[in-house]
């Protein structure tokens, strides 16, 4: 017991902020089993009210899908985050998406990443739900300690994660 009291913890905390403004729903309510059953990781979903996607952390862009509907960011603490915009939006082949960043670029919290035309997605009967998923939870030993709920604005704290 004394060893636990006096030993330094190797765990770190990292806060992840909202990449988009909207209403939060749990991943379990997303109508896609890849996300709702957490096949690629854990996180949160937002039904957006604006089309501006910003960086939820400081880090590096490690992936940008050619169809512009999803982006991967690795935080400075090593958490890998997938931001996936809408469901079945890959079929748009980039239509309605404008990227503001490229792979390999360093991003700061709040930097513009992608703008999406939500009106176009709705006109094409596509679900606009935007997912933020931590994809390396098991390999990085990441635990999500808290999830936001309700309405969130860009830059509000969304998740608090424990690493290690």
N, C-alpha and C. Protein backbone atom coordinates (compact mmCIF):
# COMPACT_ATOMS: atom_id res chain seq x y z
N UNK A 1 0.81 -1.19 0.00
CA UNK A 1 0.00 0.00 0.00
C UNK A 1 0.86 1.26 0.00
N UNK A 2 1.91 1.29 0.82
CA UNK A 2 2.77 2.47 0.86
C UNK A 2 3.46 2.70 -0.48
N UNK A 3 3.78 1.60 -1.14
CA UNK A 3 4.43 1.72 -2.45
C UNK A 3 3.53 2.49 -3.42
N UNK A 4 2.23 2.19 -3.38
CA UNK A 4 1.28 2.89 -4.26
C UNK A 4 1.18 4.37 -3.91
N UNK A 5 1.25 4.68 -2.61
CA UNK A 5 1.12 6.08 -2.19
C UNK A 5 2.31 6.93 -2.62
N UNK A 6 3.50 6.33 -2.61
CA UNK A 6 4.70 7.11 -2.87
C UNK A 6 5.30 6.92 -4.25
N UNK A 7 4.75 6.02 -5.03
CA UNK A 7 5.27 5.83 -6.38
C UNK A 7 4.64 6.83 -7.34
N UNK A 8 5.42 7.22 -8.31
CA UNK A 8 4.91 8.15 -9.32
C UNK A 8 4.07 7.38 -10.32
N UNK A 9 2.96 7.97 -10.68
CA UNK A 9 2.08 7.33 -11.65
C UNK A 9 2.58 7.65 -13.05
N UNK A 10 2.53 6.66 -13.92
CA UNK A 10 2.93 6.87 -15.31
C UNK A 10 1.75 7.27 -16.18
N UNK A 11 0.59 7.43 -15.58
CA UNK A 11 -0.58 7.80 -16.38
C UNK A 11 -0.59 9.29 -16.65
N UNK A 12 -1.12 9.63 -17.82
CA UNK A 12 -1.28 11.02 -18.23
C UNK A 12 -2.74 11.23 -18.58
N UNK A 13 -3.19 12.45 -18.43
CA UNK A 13 -4.55 12.81 -18.84
C UNK A 13 -4.49 13.66 -20.09
N UNK A 14 -5.40 13.41 -20.99
CA UNK A 14 -5.51 14.25 -22.19
C UNK A 14 -6.97 14.57 -22.42
N UNK A 15 -7.23 15.83 -22.66
CA UNK A 15 -8.58 16.28 -22.96
C UNK A 15 -8.74 16.38 -24.47
N UNK A 16 -9.89 15.93 -24.93
CA UNK A 16 -10.21 16.01 -26.35
C UNK A 16 -11.43 16.92 -26.48
N UNK A 17 -11.35 17.84 -27.40
CA UNK A 17 -12.37 18.87 -27.52
C UNK A 17 -13.25 18.63 -28.74
N UNK A 18 -14.41 19.26 -28.73
CA UNK A 18 -15.40 19.06 -29.80
C UNK A 18 -14.89 19.61 -31.13
N UNK A 19 -14.90 18.78 -32.18
CA UNK A 19 -14.46 19.24 -33.50
C UNK A 19 -15.56 19.94 -34.29
N UNK A 20 -16.79 19.90 -33.74
CA UNK A 20 -17.94 20.44 -34.46
C UNK A 20 -19.02 20.81 -33.44
N UNK A 21 -19.88 21.74 -33.80
CA UNK A 21 -20.99 22.15 -32.95
C UNK A 21 -22.21 21.27 -33.24
N UNK A 22 -22.90 20.86 -32.18
CA UNK A 22 -24.11 20.06 -32.37
C UNK A 22 -24.56 19.37 -31.11
N UNK A 23 -25.42 18.36 -31.28
CA UNK A 23 -25.96 17.59 -30.16
C UNK A 23 -25.26 16.24 -30.07
N UNK A 24 -24.81 15.92 -28.86
CA UNK A 24 -24.08 14.68 -28.62
C UNK A 24 -25.05 13.51 -28.47
N UNK A 25 -24.67 12.38 -29.09
CA UNK A 25 -25.37 11.12 -28.85
C UNK A 25 -24.31 10.05 -28.57
N UNK A 26 -24.66 9.03 -27.81
CA UNK A 26 -23.70 7.94 -27.58
C UNK A 26 -23.45 7.16 -28.87
N UNK A 27 -22.26 6.59 -28.99
CA UNK A 27 -21.96 5.76 -30.17
C UNK A 27 -22.98 4.65 -30.34
N UNK A 28 -23.50 4.13 -29.25
CA UNK A 28 -24.45 3.02 -29.33
C UNK A 28 -25.72 3.38 -30.10
N UNK A 29 -26.00 4.67 -30.26
CA UNK A 29 -27.19 5.11 -30.99
C UNK A 29 -26.93 5.40 -32.47
N UNK A 30 -25.69 5.26 -32.91
CA UNK A 30 -25.35 5.52 -34.32
C UNK A 30 -25.85 4.33 -35.15
N UNK A 31 -26.61 4.61 -36.22
CA UNK A 31 -27.18 3.51 -37.02
C UNK A 31 -26.18 2.87 -38.00
N UNK A 32 -25.02 2.52 -37.48
CA UNK A 32 -24.00 1.82 -38.25
C UNK A 32 -23.23 0.95 -37.26
N UNK A 33 -23.29 -0.38 -37.42
CA UNK A 33 -22.66 -1.27 -36.43
C UNK A 33 -21.15 -1.10 -36.28
N UNK A 34 -20.48 -0.63 -37.31
CA UNK A 34 -19.03 -0.41 -37.19
C UNK A 34 -18.75 0.58 -36.06
N UNK A 35 -19.61 1.58 -35.94
CA UNK A 35 -19.43 2.58 -34.88
C UNK A 35 -20.19 2.20 -33.61
N UNK A 36 -21.45 1.80 -33.74
CA UNK A 36 -22.28 1.53 -32.55
C UNK A 36 -21.76 0.36 -31.74
N UNK A 37 -21.12 -0.60 -32.39
CA UNK A 37 -20.56 -1.75 -31.67
C UNK A 37 -19.07 -1.56 -31.36
N UNK A 38 -18.58 -0.36 -31.61
CA UNK A 38 -17.21 0.05 -31.27
C UNK A 38 -16.15 -0.86 -31.89
N UNK A 39 -16.40 -1.26 -33.14
CA UNK A 39 -15.46 -2.16 -33.82
C UNK A 39 -14.10 -1.51 -34.08
N UNK A 40 -14.09 -0.19 -34.27
CA UNK A 40 -12.81 0.47 -34.54
C UNK A 40 -12.33 1.33 -33.38
N UNK A 41 -13.13 1.40 -32.32
CA UNK A 41 -12.73 2.16 -31.16
C UNK A 41 -13.90 2.78 -30.43
N UNK A 42 -13.58 3.50 -29.37
CA UNK A 42 -14.60 4.13 -28.54
C UNK A 42 -14.56 5.64 -28.77
N UNK A 43 -15.66 6.29 -28.48
CA UNK A 43 -15.70 7.73 -28.64
C UNK A 43 -17.10 8.27 -28.46
N UNK A 44 -17.45 9.20 -29.34
CA UNK A 44 -18.72 9.92 -29.19
C UNK A 44 -19.20 10.35 -30.57
N UNK A 45 -20.50 10.62 -30.67
CA UNK A 45 -21.08 11.07 -31.94
C UNK A 45 -21.77 12.41 -31.72
N UNK A 46 -21.76 13.22 -32.76
CA UNK A 46 -22.39 14.55 -32.70
C UNK A 46 -23.27 14.72 -33.93
N UNK A 47 -24.51 15.13 -33.70
CA UNK A 47 -25.38 15.51 -34.81
C UNK A 47 -25.10 16.99 -35.03
N UNK A 48 -24.44 17.32 -36.15
CA UNK A 48 -23.92 18.69 -36.33
C UNK A 48 -24.99 19.73 -36.67
N UNK A 49 -24.72 20.95 -36.20
CA UNK A 49 -25.56 22.09 -36.57
C UNK A 49 -24.76 23.08 -37.40
N UNK A 50 -23.47 22.79 -37.59
CA UNK A 50 -22.63 23.60 -38.47
C UNK A 50 -21.72 22.66 -39.23
N UNK A 51 -21.15 23.15 -40.33
CA UNK A 51 -20.34 22.29 -41.17
C UNK A 51 -18.84 22.47 -41.03
N UNK A 52 -18.40 23.19 -40.01
CA UNK A 52 -16.97 23.41 -39.82
C UNK A 52 -16.40 22.39 -38.86
N UNK A 53 -15.40 21.66 -39.32
CA UNK A 53 -14.71 20.66 -38.51
C UNK A 53 -13.34 21.23 -38.14
N UNK A 54 -13.05 21.25 -36.83
CA UNK A 54 -11.76 21.77 -36.36
C UNK A 54 -11.02 20.68 -35.60
N UNK A 55 -9.75 20.90 -35.39
CA UNK A 55 -8.94 19.91 -34.68
C UNK A 55 -9.34 19.84 -33.22
N UNK A 56 -9.58 18.62 -32.71
CA UNK A 56 -9.97 18.45 -31.31
C UNK A 56 -8.78 18.39 -30.34
N UNK A 57 -7.57 18.38 -30.89
CA UNK A 57 -6.35 18.28 -30.09
C UNK A 57 -5.20 18.95 -30.85
N UNK A 58 -4.08 19.08 -30.17
CA UNK A 58 -2.85 19.44 -30.85
C UNK A 58 -2.21 18.13 -31.30
N UNK A 59 -1.73 18.09 -32.52
CA UNK A 59 -1.11 16.87 -33.01
C UNK A 59 -0.75 16.95 -34.48
N UNK A 60 -0.78 15.79 -35.12
CA UNK A 60 -0.40 15.69 -36.54
C UNK A 60 -1.49 14.97 -37.32
N UNK A 61 -1.76 15.49 -38.51
CA UNK A 61 -2.70 14.83 -39.40
C UNK A 61 -1.99 13.60 -39.96
N UNK A 62 -2.54 12.40 -39.66
CA UNK A 62 -1.89 11.17 -40.11
C UNK A 62 -2.65 10.50 -41.24
N UNK A 63 -3.88 10.94 -41.47
CA UNK A 63 -4.65 10.34 -42.55
C UNK A 63 -5.73 11.31 -43.00
N UNK A 64 -5.91 11.41 -44.30
CA UNK A 64 -7.00 12.19 -44.89
C UNK A 64 -7.52 11.36 -46.05
N UNK A 65 -8.73 10.89 -45.91
CA UNK A 65 -9.30 10.03 -46.94
C UNK A 65 -9.46 10.81 -48.23
N UNK A 66 -9.19 10.19 -49.39
CA UNK A 66 -9.32 10.89 -50.68
C UNK A 66 -10.73 11.45 -50.90
N UNK A 67 -11.72 10.81 -50.28
CA UNK A 67 -13.11 11.26 -50.41
C UNK A 67 -13.44 12.39 -49.43
N UNK A 68 -12.48 12.80 -48.63
CA UNK A 68 -12.55 13.94 -47.72
C UNK A 68 -13.58 13.81 -46.60
N UNK A 69 -14.18 12.64 -46.44
CA UNK A 69 -15.22 12.46 -45.42
C UNK A 69 -14.67 12.03 -44.06
N UNK A 70 -13.37 11.80 -43.97
CA UNK A 70 -12.78 11.36 -42.71
C UNK A 70 -11.32 11.79 -42.64
N UNK A 71 -10.89 12.02 -41.40
CA UNK A 71 -9.52 12.47 -41.17
C UNK A 71 -9.00 11.80 -39.89
N UNK A 72 -7.73 11.47 -39.88
CA UNK A 72 -7.09 10.89 -38.70
C UNK A 72 -6.05 11.84 -38.15
N UNK A 73 -6.06 12.00 -36.84
CA UNK A 73 -5.10 12.88 -36.15
C UNK A 73 -4.46 12.10 -35.02
N UNK A 74 -3.16 12.26 -34.85
CA UNK A 74 -2.44 11.67 -33.71
C UNK A 74 -2.07 12.82 -32.78
N UNK A 75 -2.58 12.75 -31.54
CA UNK A 75 -2.32 13.82 -30.58
C UNK A 75 -0.86 13.77 -30.13
N UNK A 76 -0.41 14.84 -29.49
CA UNK A 76 0.97 14.89 -29.00
C UNK A 76 1.23 13.80 -27.96
N UNK A 77 0.19 13.31 -27.29
CA UNK A 77 0.33 12.23 -26.32
C UNK A 77 0.19 10.85 -26.96
N UNK A 78 -0.07 10.81 -28.27
CA UNK A 78 -0.13 9.54 -28.99
C UNK A 78 -1.51 8.95 -29.19
N UNK A 79 -2.56 9.65 -28.80
CA UNK A 79 -3.91 9.16 -29.04
C UNK A 79 -4.27 9.37 -30.51
N UNK A 80 -4.73 8.30 -31.16
CA UNK A 80 -5.13 8.39 -32.57
C UNK A 80 -6.64 8.56 -32.65
N UNK A 81 -7.05 9.63 -33.31
CA UNK A 81 -8.45 10.03 -33.38
C UNK A 81 -8.92 10.02 -34.82
N UNK A 82 -10.03 9.36 -35.05
CA UNK A 82 -10.69 9.37 -36.35
C UNK A 82 -11.90 10.28 -36.24
N UNK A 83 -12.00 11.25 -37.14
CA UNK A 83 -13.21 12.06 -37.27
C UNK A 83 -13.85 11.64 -38.58
N UNK A 84 -15.04 11.07 -38.47
CA UNK A 84 -15.76 10.54 -39.63
C UNK A 84 -17.04 11.37 -39.80
N UNK A 85 -17.20 12.00 -40.94
CA UNK A 85 -18.31 12.92 -41.17
C UNK A 85 -19.42 12.24 -41.94
N UNK A 86 -20.55 12.06 -41.28
CA UNK A 86 -21.72 11.46 -41.92
C UNK A 86 -21.59 9.96 -42.11
N UNK A 87 -22.72 9.35 -42.47
CA UNK A 87 -22.75 7.92 -42.77
C UNK A 87 -22.99 7.73 -44.26
N UNK A 88 -22.25 6.80 -44.83
CA UNK A 88 -22.32 6.51 -46.27
C UNK A 88 -21.91 7.70 -47.13
N UNK A 89 -21.13 8.60 -46.58
CA UNK A 89 -20.69 9.79 -47.31
C UNK A 89 -19.49 9.50 -48.21
N UNK A 90 -18.87 8.34 -48.05
CA UNK A 90 -17.76 7.96 -48.92
C UNK A 90 -18.21 7.95 -50.39
N UNK A 91 -19.48 7.62 -50.62
CA UNK A 91 -20.02 7.56 -51.98
C UNK A 91 -20.13 8.91 -52.67
N UNK A 92 -19.97 9.99 -51.94
CA UNK A 92 -20.01 11.31 -52.56
C UNK A 92 -18.70 11.64 -53.28
N UNK A 93 -17.68 10.84 -53.05
CA UNK A 93 -16.36 11.05 -53.68
C UNK A 93 -15.84 12.48 -53.52
N UNK A 94 -16.05 13.04 -52.34
CA UNK A 94 -15.53 14.38 -52.05
C UNK A 94 -16.50 15.51 -52.30
N UNK A 95 -17.59 15.25 -52.99
CA UNK A 95 -18.57 16.30 -53.26
C UNK A 95 -19.15 16.80 -51.93
N UNK A 96 -19.14 18.11 -51.75
CA UNK A 96 -19.66 18.70 -50.53
C UNK A 96 -18.65 18.84 -49.40
N UNK A 97 -17.41 18.42 -49.65
CA UNK A 97 -16.36 18.50 -48.63
C UNK A 97 -15.21 19.36 -49.14
N UNK A 98 -14.72 20.24 -48.29
CA UNK A 98 -13.56 21.07 -48.63
C UNK A 98 -12.54 20.93 -47.53
N UNK A 99 -11.35 20.44 -47.87
CA UNK A 99 -10.31 20.26 -46.86
C UNK A 99 -9.46 21.52 -46.72
N UNK A 100 -8.99 21.73 -45.51
CA UNK A 100 -8.17 22.90 -45.19
C UNK A 100 -6.78 22.48 -44.72
N UNK A 101 -6.47 21.20 -44.83
CA UNK A 101 -5.23 20.66 -44.25
C UNK A 101 -4.77 19.48 -45.08
N UNK A 102 -3.55 19.04 -44.87
CA UNK A 102 -3.05 17.85 -45.57
C UNK A 102 -2.29 16.95 -44.62
N UNK A 103 -2.09 15.71 -45.04
CA UNK A 103 -1.39 14.72 -44.22
C UNK A 103 0.02 15.21 -43.91
N UNK A 104 0.44 14.97 -42.66
CA UNK A 104 1.79 15.36 -42.23
C UNK A 104 1.85 16.72 -41.57
N UNK A 105 0.79 17.48 -41.66
CA UNK A 105 0.79 18.83 -41.08
C UNK A 105 0.52 18.78 -39.58
N UNK A 106 1.21 19.64 -38.85
CA UNK A 106 0.97 19.81 -37.42
C UNK A 106 -0.26 20.69 -37.27
N UNK A 107 -1.16 20.32 -36.36
CA UNK A 107 -2.35 21.12 -36.11
C UNK A 107 -2.41 21.49 -34.64
N UNK A 108 -2.97 22.66 -34.38
CA UNK A 108 -3.23 23.10 -33.02
C UNK A 108 -4.71 22.93 -32.75
N UNK A 109 -5.07 22.89 -31.50
CA UNK A 109 -6.46 22.82 -31.11
C UNK A 109 -7.24 23.95 -31.78
N UNK A 110 -8.31 23.59 -32.48
CA UNK A 110 -9.17 24.59 -33.11
C UNK A 110 -8.82 24.92 -34.55
N UNK A 111 -7.71 24.40 -35.07
CA UNK A 111 -7.37 24.66 -36.48
C UNK A 111 -8.44 24.06 -37.39
N UNK A 112 -8.77 24.78 -38.44
CA UNK A 112 -9.75 24.29 -39.42
C UNK A 112 -9.20 23.06 -40.14
N UNK A 113 -10.05 22.03 -40.27
CA UNK A 113 -9.66 20.80 -40.95
C UNK A 113 -10.46 20.60 -42.23
N UNK A 114 -11.78 20.59 -42.09
CA UNK A 114 -12.68 20.29 -43.21
C UNK A 114 -13.94 21.12 -43.07
N UNK A 115 -14.49 21.54 -44.19
CA UNK A 115 -15.82 22.14 -44.18
C UNK A 115 -16.73 21.22 -44.98
N UNK A 116 -17.89 20.92 -44.42
CA UNK A 116 -18.84 20.03 -45.09
C UNK A 116 -20.14 20.79 -45.33
N UNK A 117 -20.72 20.57 -46.49
CA UNK A 117 -22.00 21.17 -46.85
C UNK A 117 -23.11 20.27 -46.31
N UNK A 118 -23.57 20.57 -45.10
CA UNK A 118 -24.60 19.73 -44.46
C UNK A 118 -25.90 19.74 -45.25
N UNK A 119 -26.20 20.85 -45.89
CA UNK A 119 -27.43 20.95 -46.70
C UNK A 119 -27.38 19.92 -47.83
N UNK A 120 -26.24 19.79 -48.48
CA UNK A 120 -26.09 18.81 -49.56
C UNK A 120 -26.28 17.39 -49.04
N UNK A 121 -25.69 17.08 -47.90
CA UNK A 121 -25.84 15.74 -47.33
C UNK A 121 -27.32 15.44 -47.06
N UNK A 122 -28.02 16.41 -46.51
CA UNK A 122 -29.44 16.22 -46.22
C UNK A 122 -30.25 16.06 -47.50
N UNK A 123 -29.91 16.84 -48.54
CA UNK A 123 -30.60 16.73 -49.83
C UNK A 123 -30.41 15.34 -50.44
N UNK A 124 -29.28 14.72 -50.15
CA UNK A 124 -28.99 13.39 -50.69
C UNK A 124 -29.42 12.28 -49.70
N UNK A 125 -30.19 12.68 -48.68
CA UNK A 125 -30.72 11.75 -47.67
C UNK A 125 -29.62 10.96 -46.94
N UNK A 126 -28.52 11.64 -46.67
CA UNK A 126 -27.42 11.01 -45.93
C UNK A 126 -27.43 11.51 -44.48
N UNK A 127 -27.16 10.61 -43.57
CA UNK A 127 -27.09 10.95 -42.16
C UNK A 127 -25.86 11.83 -41.94
N UNK A 128 -26.02 12.94 -41.25
CA UNK A 128 -24.92 13.90 -41.04
C UNK A 128 -24.13 13.63 -39.75
N UNK A 129 -24.51 12.62 -38.98
CA UNK A 129 -23.83 12.37 -37.71
C UNK A 129 -22.32 12.30 -37.92
N UNK A 130 -21.60 12.99 -37.04
CA UNK A 130 -20.14 13.05 -37.13
C UNK A 130 -19.57 12.32 -35.92
N UNK A 131 -18.64 11.40 -36.19
CA UNK A 131 -18.09 10.54 -35.15
C UNK A 131 -16.68 10.98 -34.80
N UNK A 132 -16.36 10.92 -33.53
CA UNK A 132 -15.00 11.10 -33.05
C UNK A 132 -14.66 9.81 -32.31
N UNK A 133 -13.74 9.04 -32.87
CA UNK A 133 -13.43 7.71 -32.33
C UNK A 133 -11.93 7.60 -32.06
N UNK A 134 -11.60 7.12 -30.87
CA UNK A 134 -10.20 6.84 -30.54
C UNK A 134 -9.92 5.43 -31.03
N UNK A 135 -9.01 5.33 -31.98
CA UNK A 135 -8.80 4.05 -32.67
C UNK A 135 -7.68 3.19 -32.06
N UNK A 136 -6.87 3.76 -31.20
CA UNK A 136 -5.77 2.98 -30.62
C UNK A 136 -5.91 2.82 -29.11
N UNK A 137 -7.14 2.62 -28.67
CA UNK A 137 -7.41 2.48 -27.24
C UNK A 137 -6.64 1.33 -26.62
N UNK A 138 -6.68 0.15 -27.21
CA UNK A 138 -6.05 -1.01 -26.59
C UNK A 138 -4.52 -0.96 -26.66
N UNK A 139 -3.97 -0.57 -27.80
CA UNK A 139 -2.51 -0.58 -27.92
C UNK A 139 -1.85 0.54 -27.12
N UNK A 140 -2.54 1.63 -26.93
CA UNK A 140 -1.98 2.77 -26.20
C UNK A 140 -2.43 2.77 -24.73
N UNK A 141 -3.29 1.82 -24.37
CA UNK A 141 -3.84 1.74 -23.01
C UNK A 141 -4.54 3.03 -22.63
N UNK A 142 -5.50 3.41 -23.46
CA UNK A 142 -6.28 4.62 -23.24
C UNK A 142 -7.62 4.24 -22.62
N UNK A 143 -7.99 4.98 -21.60
CA UNK A 143 -9.29 4.80 -20.96
C UNK A 143 -10.01 6.14 -21.00
N UNK A 144 -11.26 6.14 -21.47
CA UNK A 144 -12.03 7.37 -21.47
C UNK A 144 -12.67 7.50 -20.09
N UNK A 145 -12.30 8.57 -19.36
CA UNK A 145 -12.82 8.80 -18.01
C UNK A 145 -14.15 9.53 -18.01
N UNK A 146 -14.36 10.43 -18.98
CA UNK A 146 -15.61 11.19 -18.99
C UNK A 146 -16.01 11.55 -20.41
N UNK A 147 -17.32 11.56 -20.61
CA UNK A 147 -17.93 11.91 -21.90
C UNK A 147 -18.84 13.12 -21.67
N UNK A 148 -18.80 14.08 -22.57
CA UNK A 148 -19.73 15.20 -22.50
C UNK A 148 -21.11 14.71 -22.95
N UNK A 149 -22.13 15.50 -22.66
CA UNK A 149 -23.48 15.16 -23.13
C UNK A 149 -24.21 16.46 -23.44
N UNK A 150 -25.35 16.32 -24.12
CA UNK A 150 -26.16 17.50 -24.46
C UNK A 150 -25.65 18.18 -25.71
N UNK A 151 -25.72 19.50 -25.69
CA UNK A 151 -25.27 20.31 -26.82
C UNK A 151 -23.83 20.73 -26.58
N UNK A 152 -23.04 20.72 -27.66
CA UNK A 152 -21.63 21.07 -27.55
C UNK A 152 -21.28 22.06 -28.65
N UNK A 153 -20.40 22.99 -28.34
CA UNK A 153 -19.88 23.93 -29.33
C UNK A 153 -18.45 23.54 -29.67
N UNK A 154 -18.01 23.91 -30.86
CA UNK A 154 -16.62 23.69 -31.24
C UNK A 154 -15.72 24.19 -30.12
N UNK A 155 -14.78 23.36 -29.71
CA UNK A 155 -13.83 23.77 -28.69
C UNK A 155 -14.22 23.44 -27.27
N UNK A 156 -15.47 23.01 -27.03
CA UNK A 156 -15.86 22.57 -25.69
C UNK A 156 -15.21 21.23 -25.41
N UNK A 157 -14.91 20.96 -24.12
CA UNK A 157 -14.34 19.66 -23.78
C UNK A 157 -15.36 18.57 -24.08
N UNK A 158 -14.89 17.51 -24.75
CA UNK A 158 -15.75 16.42 -25.16
C UNK A 158 -15.44 15.15 -24.37
N UNK A 159 -14.15 14.81 -24.28
CA UNK A 159 -13.71 13.61 -23.59
C UNK A 159 -12.51 13.94 -22.72
N UNK A 160 -12.35 13.16 -21.64
CA UNK A 160 -11.11 13.20 -20.89
C UNK A 160 -10.59 11.77 -20.88
N UNK A 161 -9.35 11.61 -21.31
CA UNK A 161 -8.77 10.28 -21.43
C UNK A 161 -7.57 10.13 -20.51
N UNK A 162 -7.41 8.91 -20.02
CA UNK A 162 -6.27 8.53 -19.20
C UNK A 162 -5.39 7.62 -20.06
N UNK A 163 -4.12 7.94 -20.14
CA UNK A 163 -3.19 7.18 -20.97
C UNK A 163 -2.18 6.49 -20.06
N UNK A 164 -1.99 5.19 -20.29
CA UNK A 164 -0.99 4.47 -19.54
C UNK A 164 -1.62 3.53 -18.62
